[in-house]
Amino acid sequence: MRARVFHHSMNYRSAVVHGTAREVTDAEEKWSALQAIVEHLAPGSWTHARQPDRRELAATVVFAIGLAEASVKVRTGPPSEEADDIAAGGRWAGVLPVRTAFGMPESCPTVPAGEPVPGHVLNRTL
């Protein structure tokens, strides 16, 4: 008996939110939101990097969304197998994990030679 392609699957994480988005126009709220986004994606970068100037802030739109409803779906574990497929044997089934990891930092060509990589960047490669 051959394996059934019907049971090919993928482990995943998915989030869906429902709400009404609004543009953030208050300068202090926008600044705080940008800081939160940067620090979430690249911890330590907000205080290390040059802060946005007026032109950059004007070119950036931030939206806030009040969560009226949210749902999360997660699929983990091995694939489902039919008893007759298992009994027939001769086919591999399992999980091929996908991993994302930070490598060693590569400086931009415009950075002067010998400029040290900041600690908050190096700490992410551990």
PDB file of N, CA and C in Angstrom:
ATOM      1  N   MET A   1       0.848  -1.180   0.000  1.00  0.00           N
ATOM      2  CA  MET A   1       0.000   0.000   0.000  1.00  0.00           C
ATOM      3  C   MET A   1       0.892   1.240   0.000  1.00  0.00           C
ATOM      4  N   ARG A   2       0.524   2.236  -0.729  1.00  0.00           N
ATOM      5  CA  ARG A   2       1.285   3.480  -0.793  1.00  0.00           C
ATOM      6  C   ARG A   2       0.765   4.456   0.251  1.00  0.00           C
ATOM      7  N   ALA A   3       1.664   5.344   0.681  1.00  0.00           N
ATOM      8  CA  ALA A   3       1.264   6.381   1.634  1.00  0.00           C
ATOM      9  C   ALA A   3       0.232   7.305   0.989  1.00  0.00           C
ATOM     10  N   ARG A   4      -0.604   7.865   1.796  1.00  0.00           N
ATOM     11  CA  ARG A   4      -1.647   8.761   1.286  1.00  0.00           C
ATOM     12  C   ARG A   4      -1.181  10.201   1.375  1.00  0.00           C
ATOM     13  N   VAL A   5      -1.210  10.893   0.267  1.00  0.00           N
ATOM     14  CA  VAL A   5      -0.819  12.301   0.282  1.00  0.00           C
ATOM     15  C   VAL A   5      -1.863  13.157   0.996  1.00  0.00           C
ATOM     16  N   PHE A   6      -3.023  12.590   1.211  1.00  0.00           N
ATOM     17  CA  PHE A   6      -4.086  13.301   1.920  1.00  0.00           C
ATOM     18  C   PHE A   6      -3.627  13.766   3.304  1.00  0.00           C
ATOM     19  N   HIS A   7      -2.725  13.011   3.916  1.00  0.00           N
ATOM     20  CA  HIS A   7      -2.309  13.316   5.279  1.00  0.00           C
ATOM     21  C   HIS A   7      -1.097  14.228   5.375  1.00  0.00           C
ATOM     22  N   HIS A   8      -0.618  14.768   4.258  1.00  0.00           N
ATOM     23  CA  HIS A   8       0.453  15.755   4.357  1.00  0.00           C
ATOM     24  C   HIS A   8      -0.102  16.950   5.116  1.00  0.00           C
ATOM     25  N   SER A   9       0.676  17.445   6.042  1.00  0.00           N
ATOM     26  CA  SER A   9       0.198  18.535   6.874  1.00  0.00           C
ATOM     27  C   SER A   9       1.358  19.447   7.222  1.00  0.00           C
ATOM     28  N   MET A  10       1.065  20.477   7.957  1.00  0.00           N
ATOM     29  CA  MET A  10       2.090  21.414   8.381  1.00  0.00           C
ATOM     30  C   MET A  10       1.726  21.930   9.768  1.00  0.00           C
ATOM     31  N   ASN A  11       2.722  21.990  10.625  1.00  0.00           N
ATOM     32  CA  ASN A  11       2.514  22.631  11.920  1.00  0.00           C
ATOM     33  C   ASN A  11       2.570  24.138  11.715  1.00  0.00           C
ATOM     34  N   TYR A  12       1.761  24.871  12.440  1.00  0.00           N
ATOM     35  CA  TYR A  12       1.684  26.309  12.227  1.00  0.00           C
ATOM     36  C   TYR A  12       1.177  27.026  13.465  1.00  0.00           C
ATOM     37  N   ARG A  13       1.342  28.349  13.445  1.00  0.00           N
ATOM     38  CA  ARG A  13       0.739  29.246  14.429  1.00  0.00           C
ATOM     39  C   ARG A  13       0.104  30.376  13.642  1.00  0.00           C
ATOM     40  N   SER A  14      -1.125  30.698  13.956  1.00  0.00           N
ATOM     41  CA  SER A  14      -1.852  31.716  13.215  1.00  0.00           C
ATOM     42  C   SER A  14      -2.678  32.552  14.179  1.00  0.00           C
ATOM     43  N   ALA A  15      -2.673  33.858  13.957  1.00  0.00           N
ATOM     44  CA  ALA A  15      -3.495  34.750  14.775  1.00  0.00           C
ATOM     45  C   ALA A  15      -4.315  35.639  13.853  1.00  0.00           C
ATOM     46  N   VAL A  16      -5.565  35.818  14.219  1.00  0.00           N
ATOM     47  CA  VAL A  16      -6.464  36.697  13.477  1.00  0.00           C
ATOM     48  C   VAL A  16      -7.106  37.629  14.492  1.00  0.00           C
ATOM     49  N   VAL A  17      -7.093  38.925  14.181  1.00  0.00           N
ATOM     50  CA  VAL A  17      -7.742  39.891  15.060  1.00  0.00           C
ATOM     51  C   VAL A  17      -8.796  40.651  14.268  1.00  0.00           C
ATOM     52  N   HIS A  18      -9.856  41.011  14.954  1.00  0.00           N
ATOM     53  CA  HIS A  18     -10.927  41.796  14.352  1.00  0.00           C
ATOM     54  C   HIS A  18     -11.103  43.044  15.197  1.00  0.00           C
ATOM     55  N   GLY A  19     -11.187  44.158  14.534  1.00  0.00           N
ATOM     56  CA  GLY A  19     -11.387  45.417  15.232  1.00  0.00           C
ATOM     57  C   GLY A  19     -11.379  46.543  14.221  1.00  0.00           C
ATOM     58  N   THR A  20     -11.529  47.735  14.703  1.00  0.00           N
ATOM     59  CA  THR A  20     -11.522  48.906  13.840  1.00  0.00           C
ATOM     60  C   THR A  20     -10.202  49.642  14.017  1.00  0.00           C
ATOM     61  N   ALA A  21      -9.470  49.782  12.931  1.00  0.00           N
ATOM     62  CA  ALA A  21      -8.176  50.466  12.981  1.00  0.00           C
ATOM     63  C   ALA A  21      -8.392  51.971  12.914  1.00  0.00           C
ATOM     64  N   ARG A  22      -7.478  52.685  13.573  1.00  0.00           N
ATOM     65  CA  ARG A  22      -7.497  54.144  13.498  1.00  0.00           C
ATOM     66  C   ARG A  22      -6.063  54.624  13.325  1.00  0.00           C
ATOM     67  N   GLU A  23      -5.901  55.689  12.573  1.00  0.00           N
ATOM     68  CA  GLU A  23      -4.567  56.261  12.412  1.00  0.00           C
ATOM     69  C   GLU A  23      -4.168  56.971  13.700  1.00  0.00           C
ATOM     70  N   VAL A  24      -2.954  56.736  14.133  1.00  0.00           N
ATOM     71  CA  VAL A  24      -2.422  57.400  15.324  1.00  0.00           C
ATOM     72  C   VAL A  24      -1.884  58.755  14.876  1.00  0.00           C
ATOM     73  N   THR A  25      -2.517  59.826  15.356  1.00  0.00           N
ATOM     74  CA  THR A  25      -2.105  61.175  14.964  1.00  0.00           C
ATOM     75  C   THR A  25      -1.455  61.939  16.102  1.00  0.00           C
ATOM     76  N   ASP A  26      -1.706  61.533  17.338  1.00  0.00           N
ATOM     77  CA  ASP A  26      -1.077  62.181  18.484  1.00  0.00           C
ATOM     78  C   ASP A  26       0.427  61.882  18.457  1.00  0.00           C
ATOM     79  N   ALA A  27       1.249  62.915  18.486  1.00  0.00           N
ATOM     80  CA  ALA A  27       2.703  62.766  18.344  1.00  0.00           C
ATOM     81  C   ALA A  27       3.308  61.879  19.422  1.00  0.00           C
ATOM     82  N   GLU A  28       2.902  62.049  20.656  1.00  0.00           N
ATOM     83  CA  GLU A  28       3.455  61.246  21.759  1.00  0.00           C
ATOM     84  C   GLU A  28       3.051  59.774  21.629  1.00  0.00           C
ATOM     85  N   GLU A  29       1.792  59.521  21.264  1.00  0.00           N
ATOM     86  CA  GLU A  29       1.326  58.143  21.085  1.00  0.00           C
ATOM     87  C   GLU A  29       2.047  57.479  19.903  1.00  0.00           C
ATOM     88  N   LYS A  30       2.254  58.242  18.822  1.00  0.00           N
ATOM     89  CA  LYS A  30       2.946  57.710  17.651  1.00  0.00           C
ATOM     90  C   LYS A  30       4.387  57.360  17.997  1.00  0.00           C
ATOM     91  N   TRP A  31       5.063  58.253  18.717  1.00  0.00           N
ATOM     92  CA  TRP A  31       6.447  58.025  19.133  1.00  0.00           C
ATOM     93  C   TRP A  31       6.540  56.764  19.997  1.00  0.00           C
ATOM     94  N   SER A  32       5.635  56.626  20.949  1.00  0.00           N
ATOM     95  CA  SER A  32       5.622  55.445  21.824  1.00  0.00           C
ATOM     96  C   SER A  32       5.354  54.167  21.040  1.00  0.00           C
ATOM     97  N   ALA A  33       4.448  54.243  20.073  1.00  0.00           N
ATOM     98  CA  ALA A  33       4.140  53.064  19.256  1.00  0.00           C
ATOM     99  C   ALA A  33       5.350  52.651  18.426  1.00  0.00           C
ATOM    100  N   LEU A  34       6.018  53.601  17.815  1.00  0.00           N
ATOM    101  CA  LEU A  34       7.207  53.289  17.017  1.00  0.00           C
ATOM    102  C   LEU A  34       8.301  52.684  17.883  1.00  0.00           C
ATOM    103  N   GLN A  35       8.483  53.238  19.067  1.00  0.00           N
ATOM    104  CA  GLN A  35       9.480  52.691  19.987  1.00  0.00           C
ATOM    105  C   GLN A  35       9.120  51.246  20.355  1.00  0.00           C
ATOM    106  N   ALA A  36       7.858  50.988  20.635  1.00  0.00           N
ATOM    107  CA  ALA A  36       7.430  49.630  21.002  1.00  0.00           C
ATOM    108  C   ALA A  36       7.661  48.653  19.843  1.00  0.00           C
ATOM    109  N   ILE A  37       7.373  49.076  18.630  1.00  0.00           N
ATOM    110  CA  ILE A  37       7.566  48.207  17.464  1.00  0.00           C
ATOM    111  C   ILE A  37       9.044  47.894  17.274  1.00  0.00           C
ATOM    112  N   VAL A  38       9.884  48.924  17.307  1.00  0.00           N
ATOM    113  CA  VAL A  38      11.326  48.729  17.113  1.00  0.00           C
ATOM    114  C   VAL A  38      11.892  47.827  18.197  1.00  0.00           C
ATOM    115  N   GLU A  39      11.535  48.067  19.432  1.00  0.00           N
ATOM    116  CA  GLU A  39      12.076  47.266  20.537  1.00  0.00           C
ATOM    117  C   GLU A  39      11.556  45.828  20.513  1.00  0.00           C
ATOM    118  N   HIS A  40      10.368  45.630  19.982  1.00  0.00           N
ATOM    119  CA  HIS A  40       9.853  44.265  19.855  1.00  0.00           C
ATOM    120  C   HIS A  40      10.631  43.487  18.789  1.00  0.00           C
ATOM    121  N   LEU A  41      10.900  44.147  17.665  1.00  0.00           N
ATOM    122  CA  LEU A  41      11.575  43.482  16.550  1.00  0.00           C
ATOM    123  C   LEU A  41      13.090  43.413  16.717  1.00  0.00           C
ATOM    124  N   ALA A  42      13.682  44.431  17.324  1.00  0.00           N
ATOM    125  CA  ALA A  42      15.145  44.501  17.455  1.00  0.00           C
ATOM    126  C   ALA A  42      15.499  45.128  18.803  1.00  0.00           C
ATOM    127  N   PRO A  43      15.384  44.357  19.880  1.00  0.00           N
ATOM    128  CA  PRO A  43      15.626  44.896  21.229  1.00  0.00           C
ATOM    129  C   PRO A  43      16.960  45.641  21.336  1.00  0.00           C
ATOM    130  N   GLY A  44      16.899  46.812  21.951  1.00  0.00           N
ATOM    131  CA  GLY A  44      18.091  47.632  22.159  1.00  0.00           C
ATOM    132  C   GLY A  44      18.341  48.637  21.049  1.00  0.00           C
ATOM    133  N   SER A  45      17.628  48.512  19.944  1.00  0.00           N
ATOM    134  CA  SER A  45      17.900  49.380  18.796  1.00  0.00           C
ATOM    135  C   SER A  45      17.388  50.802  18.963  1.00  0.00           C
ATOM    136  N   TRP A  46      16.305  50.983  19.700  1.00  0.00           N
ATOM    137  CA  TRP A  46      15.716  52.322  19.815  1.00  0.00           C
ATOM    138  C   TRP A  46      16.700  53.298  20.453  1.00  0.00           C
ATOM    139  N   THR A  47      17.361  52.876  21.511  1.00  0.00           N
ATOM    140  CA  THR A  47      18.302  53.783  22.183  1.00  0.00           C
ATOM    141  C   THR A  47      19.651  53.829  21.474  1.00  0.00           C
ATOM    142  N   HIS A  48      19.972  52.820  20.675  1.00  0.00           N
ATOM    143  CA  HIS A  48      21.256  52.780  19.968  1.00  0.00           C
ATOM    144  C   HIS A  48      21.231  53.630  18.695  1.00  0.00           C
ATOM    145  N   ALA A  49      20.114  53.593  17.991  1.00  0.00           N
ATOM    146  CA  ALA A  49      20.027  54.254  16.682  1.00  0.00           C
ATOM    147  C   ALA A  49      19.642  55.728  16.813  1.00  0.00           C
ATOM    148  N   ARG A  50      19.858  56.460  15.726  1.00  0.00           N
ATOM    149  CA  ARG A  50      19.397  57.848  15.649  1.00  0.00           C
ATOM    150  C   ARG A  50      17.874  57.832  15.660  1.00  0.00           C
ATOM    151  N   GLN A  51      17.283  58.728  16.397  1.00  0.00           N
ATOM    152  CA  GLN A  51      15.825  58.800  16.482  1.00  0.00           C
ATOM    153  C   GLN A  51      15.249  59.397  15.196  1.00  0.00           C
ATOM    154  N   PRO A  52      14.008  59.069  14.864  1.00  0.00           N
ATOM    155  CA  PRO A  52      13.398  59.610  13.642  1.00  0.00           C
ATOM    156  C   PRO A  52      13.317  61.135  13.688  1.00  0.00           C
ATOM    157  N   ASP A  53      13.534  61.764  12.534  1.00  0.00           N
ATOM    158  CA  ASP A  53      13.372  63.219  12.466  1.00  0.00           C
ATOM    159  C   ASP A  53      11.949  63.530  11.991  1.00  0.00           C
ATOM    160  N   ARG A  54      11.620  64.821  11.899  1.00  0.00           N
ATOM    161  CA  ARG A  54      10.251  65.221  11.526  1.00  0.00           C
ATOM    162  C   ARG A  54       9.831  64.666  10.168  1.00  0.00           C
ATOM    163  N   ARG A  55      10.743  64.696   9.207  1.00  0.00           N
ATOM    164  CA  ARG A  55      10.436  64.212   7.856  1.00  0.00           C
ATOM    165  C   ARG A  55      10.111  62.714   7.895  1.00  0.00           C
ATOM    166  N   GLU A  56      10.909  61.950   8.632  1.00  0.00           N
ATOM    167  CA  GLU A  56      10.675  60.502   8.732  1.00  0.00           C
ATOM    168  C   GLU A  56       9.376  60.197   9.462  1.00  0.00           C
ATOM    169  N   LEU A  57       9.094  60.956  10.515  1.00  0.00           N
ATOM    170  CA  LEU A  57       7.827  60.759  11.236  1.00  0.00           C
ATOM    171  C   LEU A  57       6.630  61.082  10.349  1.00  0.00           C
ATOM    172  N   ALA A  58       6.758  62.146   9.535  1.00  0.00           N
ATOM    173  CA  ALA A  58       5.661  62.516   8.645  1.00  0.00           C
ATOM    174  C   ALA A  58       5.445  61.460   7.557  1.00  0.00           C
ATOM    175  N   ALA A  59       6.500  60.746   7.180  1.00  0.00           N
ATOM    176  CA  ALA A  59       6.403  59.729   6.130  1.00  0.00           C
ATOM    177  C   ALA A  59       5.958  58.374   6.670  1.00  0.00           C
ATOM    178  N   THR A  60       5.797  58.276   7.981  1.00  0.00           N
ATOM    179  CA  THR A  60       5.427  57.009   8.606  1.00  0.00           C
ATOM    180  C   THR A  60       4.019  57.094   9.170  1.00  0.00           C
ATOM    181  N   VAL A  61       3.183  56.134   8.807  1.00  0.00           N
ATOM    182  CA  VAL A  61       1.819  56.069   9.334  1.00  0.00           C
ATOM    183  C   VAL A  61       1.759  54.908  10.321  1.00  0.00           C
ATOM    184  N   VAL A  62       1.161  55.153  11.461  1.00  0.00           N
ATOM    185  CA  VAL A  62       0.976  54.118  12.481  1.00  0.00           C
ATOM    186  C   VAL A  62      -0.529  53.948  12.685  1.00  0.00           C
ATOM    187  N   PHE A  63      -0.954  52.706  12.730  1.00  0.00           N
ATOM    188  CA  PHE A  63      -2.352  52.408  13.007  1.00  0.00           C
ATOM    189  C   PHE A  63      -2.449  51.675  14.335  1.00  0.00           C
ATOM    190  N   ALA A  64      -3.492  51.962  15.066  1.00  0.00           N
ATOM    191  CA  ALA A  64      -3.811  51.244  16.306  1.00  0.00           C
ATOM    192  C   ALA A  64      -5.121  50.517  16.053  1.00  0.00           C
ATOM    193  N   ILE A  65      -5.238  49.366  16.668  1.00  0.00           N
ATOM    194  CA  ILE A  65      -6.478  48.601  16.506  1.00  0.00           C
ATOM    195  C   ILE A  65      -6.934  48.128  17.875  1.00  0.00           C
ATOM    196  N   GLY A  66      -8.176  48.435  18.194  1.00  0.00           N
ATOM    197  CA  GLY A  66      -8.782  47.924  19.405  1.00  0.00           C
ATOM    198  C   GLY A  66      -9.273  46.520  19.118  1.00  0.00           C
ATOM    199  N   LEU A  67      -8.900  45.599  19.951  1.00  0.00           N
ATOM    200  CA  LEU A  67      -9.240  44.201  19.681  1.00  0.00           C
ATOM    201  C   LEU A  67     -10.674  43.901  20.111  1.00  0.00           C
ATOM    202  N   ALA A  68     -11.567  43.835  19.140  1.00  0.00           N
ATOM    203  CA  ALA A  68     -12.941  43.463  19.415  1.00  0.00           C
ATOM    204  C   ALA A  68     -13.039  41.946  19.560  1.00  0.00           C
ATOM    205  N   GLU A  69     -12.190  41.250  18.788  1.00  0.00           N
ATOM    206  CA  GLU A  69     -12.210  39.792  18.801  1.00  0.00           C
ATOM    207  C   GLU A  69     -10.855  39.308  18.295  1.00  0.00           C
ATOM    208  N   ALA A  70     -10.369  38.222  18.857  1.00  0.00           N
ATOM    209  CA  ALA A  70      -9.101  37.644  18.405  1.00  0.00           C
ATOM    210  C   ALA A  70      -9.172  36.134  18.547  1.00  0.00           C
ATOM    211  N   SER A  71      -8.481  35.447  17.647  1.00  0.00           N
ATOM    212  CA  SER A  71      -8.403  34.001  17.764  1.00  0.00           C
ATOM    213  C   SER A  71      -7.005  33.548  17.362  1.00  0.00           C
ATOM    214  N   VAL A  72      -6.587  32.462  17.955  1.00  0.00           N
ATOM    215  CA  VAL A  72      -5.281  31.892  17.675  1.00  0.00           C
ATOM    216  C   VAL A  72      -5.480  30.413  17.380  1.00  0.00           C
ATOM    217  N   LYS A  73      -4.808  29.939  16.342  1.00  0.00           N
ATOM    218  CA  LYS A  73      -4.842  28.518  16.021  1.00  0.00           C
ATOM    219  C   LYS A  73      -3.405  28.025  15.994  1.00  0.00           C
ATOM    220  N   VAL A  74      -3.189  26.860  16.564  1.00  0.00           N
ATOM    221  CA  VAL A  74      -1.866  26.251  16.594  1.00  0.00           C
ATOM    222  C   VAL A  74      -2.023  24.790  16.235  1.00  0.00           C
ATOM    223  N   ARG A  75      -1.163  24.322  15.332  1.00  0.00           N
ATOM    224  CA  ARG A  75      -1.132  22.905  15.004  1.00  0.00           C
ATOM    225  C   ARG A  75       0.269  22.416  15.309  1.00  0.00           C
ATOM    226  N   THR A  76       0.401  21.417  16.181  1.00  0.00           N
ATOM    227  CA  THR A  76       1.698  20.850  16.536  1.00  0.00           C
ATOM    228  C   THR A  76       1.609  19.336  16.489  1.00  0.00           C
ATOM    229  N   GLY A  77       2.759  18.714  16.533  1.00  0.00           N
ATOM    230  CA  GLY A  77       2.797  17.266  16.655  1.00  0.00           C
ATOM    231  C   GLY A  77       2.967  16.543  15.348  1.00  0.00           C
ATOM    232  N   PRO A  78       2.932  15.228  15.434  1.00  0.00           N
ATOM    233  CA  PRO A  78       3.151  14.392  14.252  1.00  0.00           C
ATOM    234  C   PRO A  78       1.921  14.377  13.351  1.00  0.00           C
ATOM    235  N   PRO A  79       2.102  13.869  12.123  1.00  0.00           N
ATOM    236  CA  PRO A  79       0.954  13.757  11.220  1.00  0.00           C
ATOM    237  C   PRO A  79      -0.015  12.692  11.700  1.00  0.00           C
ATOM    238  N   SER A  80      -1.239  12.787  11.252  1.00  0.00           N
ATOM    239  CA  SER A  80      -2.237  11.750  11.529  1.00  0.00           C
ATOM    240  C   SER A  80      -2.029  10.632  10.518  1.00  0.00           C
ATOM    241  N   GLU A  81      -2.154   9.401  10.975  1.00  0.00           N
ATOM    242  CA  GLU A  81      -1.976   8.253  10.091  1.00  0.00           C
ATOM    243  C   GLU A  81      -3.165   7.315  10.226  1.00  0.00           C
ATOM    244  N   GLU A  82      -3.573   6.739   9.120  1.00  0.00           N
ATOM    245  CA  GLU A  82      -4.633   5.749   9.125  1.00  0.00           C
ATOM    246  C   GLU A  82      -4.061   4.421   9.615  1.00  0.00           C
ATOM    247  N   ALA A  83      -4.858   3.660  10.342  1.00  0.00           N
ATOM    248  CA  ALA A  83      -4.400   2.385  10.899  1.00  0.00           C
ATOM    249  C   ALA A  83      -3.900   1.432   9.806  1.00  0.00           C
ATOM    250  N   ASP A  84      -4.579   1.388   8.656  1.00  0.00           N
ATOM    251  CA  ASP A  84      -4.131   0.468   7.602  1.00  0.00           C
ATOM    252  C   ASP A  84      -2.816   0.925   6.966  1.00  0.00           C
ATOM    253  N   ASP A  85      -2.552   2.235   6.937  1.00  0.00           N
ATOM    254  CA  ASP A  85      -1.268   2.727   6.435  1.00  0.00           C
ATOM    255  C   ASP A  85      -0.141   2.338   7.390  1.00  0.00           C
ATOM    256  N   ILE A  86      -0.407   2.464   8.682  1.00  0.00           N
ATOM    257  CA  ILE A  86       0.595   2.101   9.683  1.00  0.00           C
ATOM    258  C   ILE A  86       0.890   0.606   9.590  1.00  0.00           C
ATOM    259  N   ALA A  87      -0.155  -0.188   9.499  1.00  0.00           N
ATOM    260  CA  ALA A  87       0.001  -1.642   9.430  1.00  0.00           C
ATOM    261  C   ALA A  87       0.750  -2.072   8.170  1.00  0.00           C
ATOM    262  N   ALA A  88       0.561  -1.363   7.060  1.00  0.00           N
ATOM    263  CA  ALA A  88       1.222  -1.711   5.800  1.00  0.00           C
ATOM    264  C   ALA A  88       2.728  -1.455   5.872  1.00  0.00           C
ATOM    265  N   GLY A  89       3.136  -0.476   6.694  1.00  0.00           N
ATOM    266  CA  GLY A  89       4.556  -0.168   6.843  1.00  0.00           C
ATOM    267  C   GLY A  89       5.196   0.313   5.555  1.00  0.00           C
ATOM    268  N   GLY A  90       6.505   0.449   5.585  1.00  0.00           N
ATOM    269  CA  GLY A  90       7.258   0.800   4.400  1.00  0.00           C
ATOM    270  C   GLY A  90       7.241   2.256   4.003  1.00  0.00           C
ATOM    271  N   ARG A  91       6.655   3.112   4.799  1.00  0.00           N
ATOM    272  CA  ARG A  91       6.621   4.544   4.484  1.00  0.00           C
ATOM    273  C   ARG A  91       7.009   5.332   5.726  1.00  0.00           C
ATOM    274  N   TRP A  92       7.833   6.342   5.493  1.00  0.00           N
ATOM    275  CA  TRP A  92       8.229   7.201   6.604  1.00  0.00           C
ATOM    276  C   TRP A  92       7.169   8.261   6.816  1.00  0.00           C
ATOM    277  N   ALA A  93       6.916   8.599   8.051  1.00  0.00           N
ATOM    278  CA  ALA A  93       6.037   9.717   8.406  1.00  0.00           C
ATOM    279  C   ALA A  93       6.700  10.440   9.563  1.00  0.00           C
ATOM    280  N   GLY A  94       6.551  11.726   9.634  1.00  0.00           N
ATOM    281  CA  GLY A  94       7.154  12.470  10.728  1.00  0.00           C
ATOM    282  C   GLY A  94       7.079  13.962  10.492  1.00  0.00           C
ATOM    283  N   VAL A  95       7.937  14.675  11.187  1.00  0.00           N
ATOM    284  CA  VAL A  95       7.971  16.133  11.141  1.00  0.00           C
ATOM    285  C   VAL A  95       9.362  16.563  10.687  1.00  0.00           C
ATOM    286  N   LEU A  96       9.436  17.491   9.772  1.00  0.00           N
ATOM    287  CA  LEU A  96      10.692  18.109   9.362  1.00  0.00           C
ATOM    288  C   LEU A  96      10.674  19.529   9.921  1.00  0.00           C
ATOM    289  N   PRO A  97      11.325  19.746  11.081  1.00  0.00           N
ATOM    290  CA  PRO A  97      11.274  21.065  11.717  1.00  0.00           C
ATOM    291  C   PRO A  97      11.947  22.148  10.872  1.00  0.00           C
ATOM    292  N   VAL A  98      11.382  23.324  10.910  1.00  0.00           N
ATOM    293  CA  VAL A  98      11.968  24.499  10.282  1.00  0.00           C
ATOM    294  C   VAL A  98      12.359  25.436  11.421  1.00  0.00           C
ATOM    295  N   ARG A  99      13.599  25.863  11.403  1.00  0.00           N
ATOM    296  CA  ARG A  99      14.081  26.747  12.463  1.00  0.00           C
ATOM    297  C   ARG A  99      14.670  28.006  11.845  1.00  0.00           C
ATOM    298  N   THR A 100      14.492  29.122  12.525  1.00  0.00           N
ATOM    299  CA  THR A 100      15.105  30.380  12.128  1.00  0.00           C
ATOM    300  C   THR A 100      16.037  30.795  13.252  1.00  0.00           C
ATOM    301  N   ALA A 101      17.252  31.133  12.887  1.00  0.00           N
ATOM    302  CA  ALA A 101      18.233  31.537  13.900  1.00  0.00           C
ATOM    303  C   ALA A 101      19.076  32.688  13.362  1.00  0.00           C
ATOM    304  N   PHE A 102      19.505  33.541  14.252  1.00  0.00           N
ATOM    305  CA  PHE A 102      20.393  34.625  13.862  1.00  0.00           C
ATOM    306  C   PHE A 102      21.796  34.082  13.649  1.00  0.00           C
ATOM    307  N   GLY A 103      22.452  34.545  12.600  1.00  0.00           N
ATOM    308  CA  GLY A 103      23.848  34.217  12.351  1.00  0.00           C
ATOM    309  C   GLY A 103      24.729  35.325  12.915  1.00  0.00           C
ATOM    310  N   MET A 104      25.998  35.260  12.592  1.00  0.00           N
ATOM    311  CA  MET A 104      26.925  36.289  13.040  1.00  0.00           C
ATOM    312  C   MET A 104      26.631  37.589  12.294  1.00  0.00           C
ATOM    313  N   PRO A 105      26.686  38.726  12.991  1.00  0.00           N
ATOM    314  CA  PRO A 105      26.403  40.014  12.352  1.00  0.00           C
ATOM    315  C   PRO A 105      27.397  40.321  11.230  1.00  0.00           C
ATOM    316  N   GLU A 106      26.901  40.904  10.172  1.00  0.00           N
ATOM    317  CA  GLU A 106      27.714  41.333   9.041  1.00  0.00           C
ATOM    318  C   GLU A 106      27.559  42.844   8.919  1.00  0.00           C
ATOM    319  N   SER A 107      28.631  43.574   9.160  1.00  0.00           N
ATOM    320  CA  SER A 107      28.570  45.040   9.126  1.00  0.00           C
ATOM    321  C   SER A 107      28.302  45.547   7.719  1.00  0.00           C
ATOM    322  N   CYS A 108      27.593  46.653   7.644  1.00  0.00           N
ATOM    323  CA  CYS A 108      27.340  47.336   6.380  1.00  0.00           C
ATOM    324  C   CYS A 108      28.684  47.807   5.817  1.00  0.00           C
ATOM    325  N   PRO A 109      28.851  47.772   4.497  1.00  0.00           N
ATOM    326  CA  PRO A 109      30.119  48.215   3.906  1.00  0.00           C
ATOM    327  C   PRO A 109      30.469  49.672   4.221  1.00  0.00           C
ATOM    328  N   THR A 110      29.475  50.486   4.568  1.00  0.00           N
ATOM    329  CA  THR A 110      29.753  51.895   4.869  1.00  0.00           C
ATOM    330  C   THR A 110      30.229  52.113   6.303  1.00  0.00           C
ATOM    331  N   VAL A 111      30.169  51.077   7.147  1.00  0.00           N
ATOM    332  CA  VAL A 111      30.639  51.197   8.538  1.00  0.00           C
ATOM    333  C   VAL A 111      32.160  51.126   8.524  1.00  0.00           C
ATOM    334  N   PRO A 112      32.823  52.069   9.200  1.00  0.00           N
ATOM    335  CA  PRO A 112      34.290  52.056   9.225  1.00  0.00           C
ATOM    336  C   PRO A 112      34.830  50.741   9.779  1.00  0.00           C
ATOM    337  N   ALA A 113      35.938  50.276   9.186  1.00  0.00           N
ATOM    338  CA  ALA A 113      36.582  49.044   9.648  1.00  0.00           C
ATOM    339  C   ALA A 113      36.922  49.169  11.124  1.00  0.00           C
ATOM    340  N   GLY A 114      36.685  48.102  11.864  1.00  0.00           N
ATOM    341  CA  GLY A 114      37.010  48.099  13.284  1.00  0.00           C
ATOM    342  C   GLY A 114      35.904  48.614  14.183  1.00  0.00           C
ATOM    343  N   GLU A 115      34.827  49.140  13.597  1.00  0.00           N
ATOM    344  CA  GLU A 115      33.699  49.610  14.416  1.00  0.00           C
ATOM    345  C   GLU A 115      33.070  48.391  15.077  1.00  0.00           C
ATOM    346  N   PRO A 116      33.021  48.365  16.412  1.00  0.00           N
ATOM    347  CA  PRO A 116      32.495  47.165  17.073  1.00  0.00           C
ATOM    348  C   PRO A 116      30.990  46.990  16.863  1.00  0.00           C
ATOM    349  N   VAL A 117      30.588  45.746  16.828  1.00  0.00           N
ATOM    350  CA  VAL A 117      29.164  45.424  16.757  1.00  0.00           C
ATOM    351  C   VAL A 117      28.590  45.661  18.148  1.00  0.00           C
ATOM    352  N   PRO A 118      27.495  46.417  18.260  1.00  0.00           N
ATOM    353  CA  PRO A 118      26.931  46.705  19.584  1.00  0.00           C
ATOM    354  C   PRO A 118      26.470  45.445  20.312  1.00  0.00           C
ATOM    355  N   GLY A 119      26.553  45.495  21.621  1.00  0.00           N
ATOM    356  CA  GLY A 119      26.182  44.361  22.455  1.00  0.00           C
ATOM    357  C   GLY A 119      24.769  43.875  22.234  1.00  0.00           C
ATOM    358  N   HIS A 120      23.826  44.808  22.027  1.00  0.00           N
ATOM    359  CA  HIS A 120      22.430  44.374  21.852  1.00  0.00           C
ATOM    360  C   HIS A 120      22.250  43.592  20.552  1.00  0.00           C
ATOM    361  N   VAL A 121      23.153  43.731  19.598  1.00  0.00           N
ATOM    362  CA  VAL A 121      23.107  42.947  18.368  1.00  0.00           C
ATOM    363  C   VAL A 121      23.793  41.606  18.599  1.00  0.00           C
ATOM    364  N   LEU A 122      24.970  41.630  19.194  1.00  0.00           N
ATOM    365  CA  LEU A 122      25.706  40.388  19.467  1.00  0.00           C
ATOM    366  C   LEU A 122      24.911  39.447  20.370  1.00  0.00           C
ATOM    367  N   ASN A 123      24.194  39.991  21.332  1.00  0.00           N
ATOM    368  CA  ASN A 123      23.414  39.161  22.266  1.00  0.00           C
ATOM    369  C   ASN A 123      22.318  38.372  21.568  1.00  0.00           C
ATOM    370  N   ARG A 124      21.880  38.823  20.399  1.00  0.00           N
ATOM    371  CA  ARG A 124      20.810  38.109  19.687  1.00  0.00           C
ATOM    372  C   ARG A 124      21.337  36.891  18.958  1.00  0.00           C
ATOM    373  N   THR A 125      22.662  36.775  18.804  1.00  0.00           N
ATOM    374  CA  THR A 125      23.228  35.646  18.072  1.00  0.00           C
ATOM    375  C   THR A 125      23.521  34.473  18.987  1.00  0.00           C
ATOM    376  N   LEU A 126      23.330  34.626  20.279  1.00  0.00           N
ATOM    377  CA  LEU A 126      23.633  33.557  21.228  1.00  0.00           C
ATOM    378  C   LEU A 126      22.576  32.477  21.222  1.00  0.00           C
TER     379      LEU A 126
END
